[in-house]
Amino acid sequence: MLLSERGGGDWLTPLLYHVLGPPGERGVSVQRPPAGPAALPSEIAFLLAEGVDGRLLVRAAAAAAAAGTDAATALLNAGLIAESAYYEALARALGAPYLDGPIPFGLGLRFPDSLVAGLAPLAPGSVSPWVLAPRGRAIADLLDAPGRAPCRAAMPAITSPTRLREAVFAAIPEQVADHAAHDLRRRAPERATAPEPALRWLLVLALAVTAALCLCAALPPPLTRAVVIAGQILFLAMAALRIAALAIAAPVEPEAVAPLAEADLPVYTVLVPLHREAAVVPDLLRALSALDYPVLCSNLTQKR
């Protein structure tokens, strides 16, 4: 399916139906038969015609099978091809225009619905009524559609998910900020922190200041000066105590504790997730290897 099942995304279902046609006409199926052992998945097989090294594609297909994901996601997450280069090649394979620069959005752009669905409307007069940033198995559904060639004129423009996200953030920053600040309170108010009623505290402060001024006006001048001097002395005493505390040694010396034997030390598992950070892997491995802690089982490996 091209539309992810997430709150607020159902409004785009008729748009996908209108743009790409009914599933029976565009050949989109929820389940596809698995490819043979020697065949590459369709979401990366088209890259062979773009001159991509077939060994990289085979490696991505094997990684996808091991991780239980699609080959396009495995290829991009492993950093074997740049995201912009992949989606530009996908646009050529689909016969669709590719948008890499500014994206002229039209009416109906919504956050986060447009990013969840990977589909956004374009302004009238653009290269296509819609721009599409397919992900995962939706890419294979587009490539495997048997009726794709006659419908190229209705194919949306293609862009990368990163470019679509950046363009949406730049086009409707107010919606993005409102969603970040208030979405949790709207969806689950019981889990959101209630805002402090500022008006109540301002009223209390105003009453306290008014009472203090009235009290000072009612007191004789000598007594008023005495109260002010007493307050200043109290403030200076508190400040002096805080400064002196920095120079006072701790009254209790920590007990000397014998170090535990290596067999009695607690066991910790260190998981270090990485995403497109191959350049820092050697330094990271050296840093992890330098930890002064007994190692029971190490999986510090570097794969290329």
Protein backbone atom coordinates (compact mmCIF):
# COMPACT_ATOMS: atom_id res chain seq x y z
CA MET A 1 0.00 0.00 0.00
CA LEU A 2 1.22 3.53 -0.71
CA LEU A 3 -0.58 5.04 2.27
CA SER A 4 0.73 4.29 5.74
CA GLU A 5 -1.86 3.51 8.37
CA ARG A 6 -1.37 6.37 10.77
CA GLY A 7 -3.65 8.93 12.31
CA GLY A 8 -4.86 11.56 9.90
CA GLY A 9 -3.66 9.78 6.77
CA ASP A 10 -7.00 8.48 5.56
CA TRP A 11 -7.76 11.77 3.83
CA LEU A 12 -5.15 10.95 1.18
CA THR A 13 -6.64 7.61 0.16
CA PRO A 14 -9.02 9.13 -2.46
CA LEU A 15 -6.12 11.18 -3.82
CA LEU A 16 -3.98 8.09 -4.42
CA TYR A 17 -6.98 6.37 -5.98
CA HIS A 18 -7.48 9.33 -8.31
CA VAL A 19 -3.81 9.77 -9.24
CA LEU A 20 -2.77 6.17 -9.82
CA GLY A 21 -6.14 4.58 -10.51
CA PRO A 22 -7.81 1.63 -8.77
CA PRO A 23 -5.49 -1.17 -7.58
CA GLY A 24 -6.77 -3.50 -10.28
CA GLU A 25 -5.91 -1.02 -13.03
CA ARG A 26 -2.46 -0.02 -11.80
CA GLY A 27 -1.49 -3.54 -10.85
CA VAL A 28 -0.67 -2.76 -7.23
CA SER A 29 -0.92 -5.77 -4.96
CA VAL A 30 -0.42 -5.98 -1.24
CA GLN A 31 1.46 -9.28 -1.48
CA ARG A 32 3.91 -10.16 -4.22
CA PRO A 33 5.47 -13.53 -4.87
CA PRO A 34 9.07 -13.69 -3.65
CA ALA A 35 11.79 -13.41 -6.23
CA GLY A 36 13.92 -16.38 -7.11
CA PRO A 37 17.25 -16.85 -5.35
CA ALA A 38 19.24 -15.51 -8.30
CA ALA A 39 16.88 -12.60 -9.08
CA LEU A 40 17.17 -9.14 -7.61
CA PRO A 41 14.10 -7.51 -6.06
CA SER A 42 12.45 -5.11 -8.44
CA GLU A 43 12.98 -2.13 -6.12
CA ILE A 44 16.73 -2.33 -6.81
CA ALA A 45 16.96 -4.39 -10.02
CA PHE A 46 16.33 -1.33 -12.21
CA LEU A 47 19.61 0.16 -10.92
CA LEU A 48 21.57 -2.30 -13.07
CA ALA A 49 20.55 -0.25 -16.12
CA GLU A 50 21.90 2.85 -14.33
CA GLY A 51 25.37 1.33 -14.09
CA VAL A 52 25.26 0.46 -10.37
CA ASP A 53 27.60 -2.37 -9.41
CA GLY A 54 25.58 -5.57 -9.27
CA ARG A 55 27.60 -6.80 -6.30
CA LEU A 56 26.28 -3.92 -4.20
CA LEU A 57 22.74 -4.80 -5.19
CA VAL A 58 23.26 -8.47 -4.31
CA ARG A 59 24.68 -7.40 -0.97
CA ALA A 60 21.66 -5.16 -0.33
CA ALA A 61 19.25 -7.97 -1.26
CA ALA A 62 21.01 -10.33 1.16
CA ALA A 63 20.94 -7.73 3.95
CA ALA A 64 17.23 -7.12 3.32
CA ALA A 65 16.47 -10.84 3.51
CA ALA A 66 18.40 -11.14 6.77
CA ALA A 67 16.73 -8.10 8.34
CA GLY A 68 13.24 -8.84 7.02
CA THR A 69 12.90 -5.56 5.15
CA ASP A 70 12.84 -4.48 1.52
CA ALA A 71 15.97 -4.19 -0.58
CA ALA A 72 15.58 -0.45 -1.24
CA THR A 73 15.56 0.32 2.48
CA ALA A 74 18.58 -1.93 3.05
CA LEU A 75 20.45 -0.31 0.16
CA LEU A 76 19.84 3.24 1.40
CA ASN A 77 20.37 2.53 5.10
CA ALA A 78 23.70 0.85 4.37
CA GLY A 79 24.85 3.96 2.51
CA LEU A 80 25.57 1.97 -0.66
CA ILE A 81 23.95 4.66 -2.79
CA ALA A 82 22.99 8.27 -2.17
CA GLU A 83 19.30 8.82 -1.56
CA SER A 84 19.02 11.55 -4.19
CA ALA A 85 20.78 9.36 -6.80
CA TYR A 86 18.45 6.45 -6.05
CA TYR A 87 15.25 8.46 -6.40
CA GLU A 88 16.49 10.22 -9.52
CA ALA A 89 17.11 6.81 -11.08
CA LEU A 90 13.67 5.66 -9.89
CA ALA A 91 12.05 8.64 -11.59
CA ARG A 92 13.76 7.74 -14.86
CA ALA A 93 12.63 4.12 -14.53
CA LEU A 94 9.04 5.24 -13.95
CA GLY A 95 9.15 7.87 -16.68
CA ALA A 96 8.22 10.54 -14.13
CA PRO A 97 9.74 13.99 -13.54
CA TYR A 98 12.18 14.26 -10.66
CA LEU A 99 12.07 17.25 -8.29
CA ASP A 100 15.37 18.04 -6.61
CA GLY A 101 15.12 21.80 -6.13
CA PRO A 102 12.34 23.88 -4.58
CA ILE A 103 8.97 22.11 -4.56
CA PRO A 104 5.97 24.37 -5.37
CA PHE A 105 3.28 22.94 -3.11
CA GLY A 106 -0.39 23.56 -3.73
CA LEU A 107 -3.45 23.72 -1.51
CA GLY A 108 -4.03 20.74 0.73
CA LEU A 109 -0.50 20.35 2.11
CA ARG A 110 -0.75 19.06 5.66
CA PHE A 111 1.72 18.09 8.36
CA PRO A 112 2.41 15.33 9.26
CA ASP A 113 -0.08 13.63 6.91
CA SER A 114 1.76 14.50 3.71
CA LEU A 115 5.04 13.11 5.08
CA VAL A 116 3.42 9.95 6.46
CA ALA A 117 1.81 9.20 3.10
CA GLY A 118 4.79 10.45 1.10
CA LEU A 119 2.41 12.34 -1.18
CA ALA A 120 1.81 16.08 -1.45
CA PRO A 121 -0.15 18.31 -3.87
CA LEU A 122 1.70 20.59 -6.26
CA ALA A 123 0.67 24.06 -7.38
CA PRO A 124 -1.32 24.40 -10.62
CA GLY A 125 0.92 24.55 -13.67
CA SER A 126 3.61 22.33 -12.14
CA VAL A 127 5.09 19.31 -13.91
CA SER A 128 2.52 17.09 -12.20
CA PRO A 129 -0.47 17.53 -9.89
CA TRP A 130 1.32 15.56 -7.14
CA VAL A 131 4.78 14.80 -5.85
CA LEU A 132 5.45 11.32 -4.49
CA ALA A 133 8.28 10.10 -2.24
CA PRO A 134 7.66 6.33 -2.09
CA ARG A 135 9.38 4.21 0.52
CA GLY A 136 9.81 0.54 1.20
CA ARG A 137 7.67 -1.91 -0.70
CA ALA A 138 5.61 0.87 -2.26
CA ILE A 139 8.53 1.34 -4.67
CA ALA A 140 8.24 -2.25 -5.85
CA ASP A 141 4.47 -1.85 -6.22
CA LEU A 142 5.04 1.10 -8.56
CA LEU A 143 7.69 -0.69 -10.60
CA ASP A 144 5.74 -3.95 -10.83
CA ALA A 145 2.49 -2.36 -12.01
CA PRO A 146 1.76 -3.98 -15.42
CA GLY A 147 -0.27 -0.99 -16.63
CA ARG A 148 2.39 1.52 -15.73
CA ALA A 149 3.57 2.43 -19.23
CA PRO A 150 0.22 3.71 -20.62
CA CYS A 151 -0.36 5.77 -17.45
CA ARG A 152 2.94 7.63 -17.40
CA ALA A 153 1.17 10.93 -18.07
CA ALA A 154 -0.71 10.55 -14.77
CA MET A 155 2.39 9.49 -12.81
CA PRO A 156 3.20 11.93 -9.98
CA ALA A 157 6.55 13.66 -9.86
CA ILE A 158 9.15 11.82 -7.80
CA THR A 159 11.36 13.19 -5.04
CA SER A 160 13.27 11.75 -2.11
CA PRO A 161 11.73 11.50 1.38
CA THR A 162 14.45 13.77 2.77
CA ARG A 163 13.83 16.43 0.12
CA LEU A 164 10.06 16.21 0.67
CA ARG A 165 10.50 16.59 4.44
CA GLU A 166 12.80 19.60 4.07
CA ALA A 167 10.41 21.25 1.60
CA VAL A 168 7.37 20.65 3.83
CA PHE A 169 9.18 22.06 6.86
CA ALA A 170 10.13 25.16 4.87
CA ALA A 171 6.65 25.62 3.35
CA ILE A 172 4.49 25.32 6.50
CA PRO A 173 6.71 25.96 9.53
CA GLU A 174 3.72 27.16 11.56
CA GLN A 175 1.93 23.82 11.18
CA VAL A 176 5.12 21.93 12.08
CA ALA A 177 5.67 24.05 15.20
CA ASP A 178 2.02 23.75 16.24
CA HIS A 179 2.13 19.97 15.82
CA ALA A 180 5.32 19.69 17.87
CA ALA A 181 3.98 21.90 20.66
CA HIS A 182 0.35 20.85 20.92
CA ASP A 183 -0.23 17.49 19.22
CA LEU A 184 0.29 15.43 22.39
CA ARG A 185 -2.06 17.66 24.36
CA ARG A 186 -4.72 17.30 21.65
CA ARG A 187 -4.40 13.50 21.26
CA ALA A 188 -3.64 12.46 24.84
CA PRO A 189 -4.24 15.33 27.27
CA GLU A 190 -3.83 12.99 30.24
CA ARG A 191 -0.18 12.41 29.23
CA ALA A 192 0.66 16.07 28.63
CA THR A 193 1.94 18.44 31.30
CA ALA A 194 -0.71 20.98 32.20
CA PRO A 195 0.48 24.57 31.73
CA GLU A 196 0.85 26.68 34.82
CA PRO A 197 -1.90 29.32 35.12
CA ALA A 198 0.28 32.42 34.80
CA LEU A 199 -2.58 34.79 35.60
CA ARG A 200 -3.05 33.26 39.04
CA TRP A 201 0.61 33.68 39.99
CA LEU A 202 0.70 37.22 38.64
CA LEU A 203 -2.32 38.04 40.80
CA VAL A 204 -0.65 36.55 43.90
CA LEU A 205 2.52 38.53 43.22
CA ALA A 206 0.59 41.75 42.75
CA LEU A 207 -1.28 41.20 46.04
CA ALA A 208 1.96 40.46 47.91
CA VAL A 209 3.67 43.60 46.57
CA THR A 210 0.63 45.72 47.39
CA ALA A 211 0.47 44.32 50.95
CA ALA A 212 4.19 44.98 51.46
CA LEU A 213 3.87 48.58 50.23
CA CYS A 214 0.85 49.17 52.48
CA LEU A 215 2.71 47.73 55.47
CA CYS A 216 5.74 49.90 54.82
CA ALA A 217 3.54 52.98 54.51
CA ALA A 218 1.77 52.20 57.80
CA LEU A 219 4.96 51.64 59.82
CA PRO A 220 6.94 54.50 61.36
CA PRO A 221 9.99 55.50 59.30
CA PRO A 222 12.57 54.17 61.83
CA LEU A 223 10.83 50.79 61.94
CA THR A 224 10.62 50.68 58.15
CA ARG A 225 14.36 51.26 57.87
CA ALA A 226 14.99 48.55 60.45
CA VAL A 227 12.89 46.04 58.47
CA VAL A 228 14.72 46.90 55.24
CA ILE A 229 18.15 46.59 56.91
CA ALA A 230 17.14 43.25 58.47
CA GLY A 231 16.11 41.91 55.05
CA GLN A 232 19.39 43.03 53.51
CA ILE A 233 21.40 41.41 56.32
CA LEU A 234 19.47 38.15 55.86
CA PHE A 235 20.16 38.18 52.11
CA LEU A 236 23.88 38.89 52.62
CA ALA A 237 24.12 36.12 55.24
CA MET A 238 22.59 33.56 52.86
CA ALA A 239 24.95 34.62 50.05
CA ALA A 240 27.98 34.45 52.38
CA LEU A 241 26.95 30.96 53.55
CA ARG A 242 26.74 29.70 49.98
CA ILE A 243 30.15 31.15 49.14
CA ALA A 244 31.72 29.77 52.33
CA ALA A 245 30.30 26.31 51.63
CA LEU A 246 32.59 26.09 48.60
CA ALA A 247 35.68 26.35 50.81
CA ILE A 248 34.53 24.07 53.67
CA ALA A 249 35.85 20.53 53.41
CA ALA A 250 33.43 17.64 53.51
CA PRO A 251 32.93 16.56 57.14
CA VAL A 252 32.78 12.85 56.30
CA GLU A 253 35.50 11.04 54.45
CA PRO A 254 34.27 8.33 52.09
CA GLU A 255 34.98 4.80 53.22
CA ALA A 256 37.60 2.90 51.35
CA VAL A 257 35.87 0.17 49.38
CA ALA A 258 37.77 -2.78 48.08
CA PRO A 259 37.34 -3.25 44.32
CA LEU A 260 35.16 -6.14 43.25
CA ALA A 261 36.62 -9.17 41.58
CA GLU A 262 36.04 -9.33 37.85
CA ALA A 263 33.67 -12.28 38.32
CA ASP A 264 31.48 -10.20 40.68
CA LEU A 265 31.20 -7.14 38.47
CA PRO A 266 27.72 -6.44 37.00
CA VAL A 267 27.16 -7.27 33.36
CA TYR A 268 26.34 -4.45 30.96
CA THR A 269 25.41 -4.72 27.30
CA VAL A 270 26.45 -1.78 25.12
CA LEU A 271 24.39 -1.36 21.95
CA VAL A 272 25.67 1.23 19.48
CA PRO A 273 23.22 1.82 16.60
CA LEU A 274 24.60 3.47 13.49
CA HIS A 275 22.87 4.92 10.46
CA ARG A 276 24.94 6.00 7.46
CA GLU A 277 27.96 6.68 9.68
CA ALA A 278 30.55 4.40 8.12
CA ALA A 279 33.24 7.09 8.44
CA VAL A 280 33.16 7.04 12.26
CA VAL A 281 33.08 3.26 12.70
CA PRO A 282 36.89 2.78 13.05
CA ASP A 283 37.15 5.49 15.74
CA LEU A 284 34.09 4.11 17.49
CA LEU A 285 35.53 0.59 17.59
CA ARG A 286 38.80 1.89 19.05
CA ALA A 287 36.93 3.85 21.72
CA LEU A 288 34.78 0.86 22.70
CA SER A 289 37.81 -1.41 22.81
CA ALA A 290 39.56 1.04 25.14
CA LEU A 291 36.86 0.78 27.84
CA ASP A 292 38.45 -0.33 31.13
CA TYR A 293 35.99 -3.09 31.89
CA PRO A 294 36.18 -6.89 31.59
CA VAL A 295 34.74 -8.12 28.31
CA LEU A 296 32.86 -11.42 28.47
CA CYS A 297 31.74 -11.49 24.84
CA SER A 298 32.64 -8.98 22.19
CA ASN A 299 30.87 -8.45 18.89
CA LEU A 300 33.05 -5.50 17.88
CA THR A 301 33.25 -6.21 14.19
CA GLN A 302 33.60 -3.94 11.21
CA LYS A 303 31.88 -5.08 8.05
CA ARG A 304 32.40 -3.52 4.67
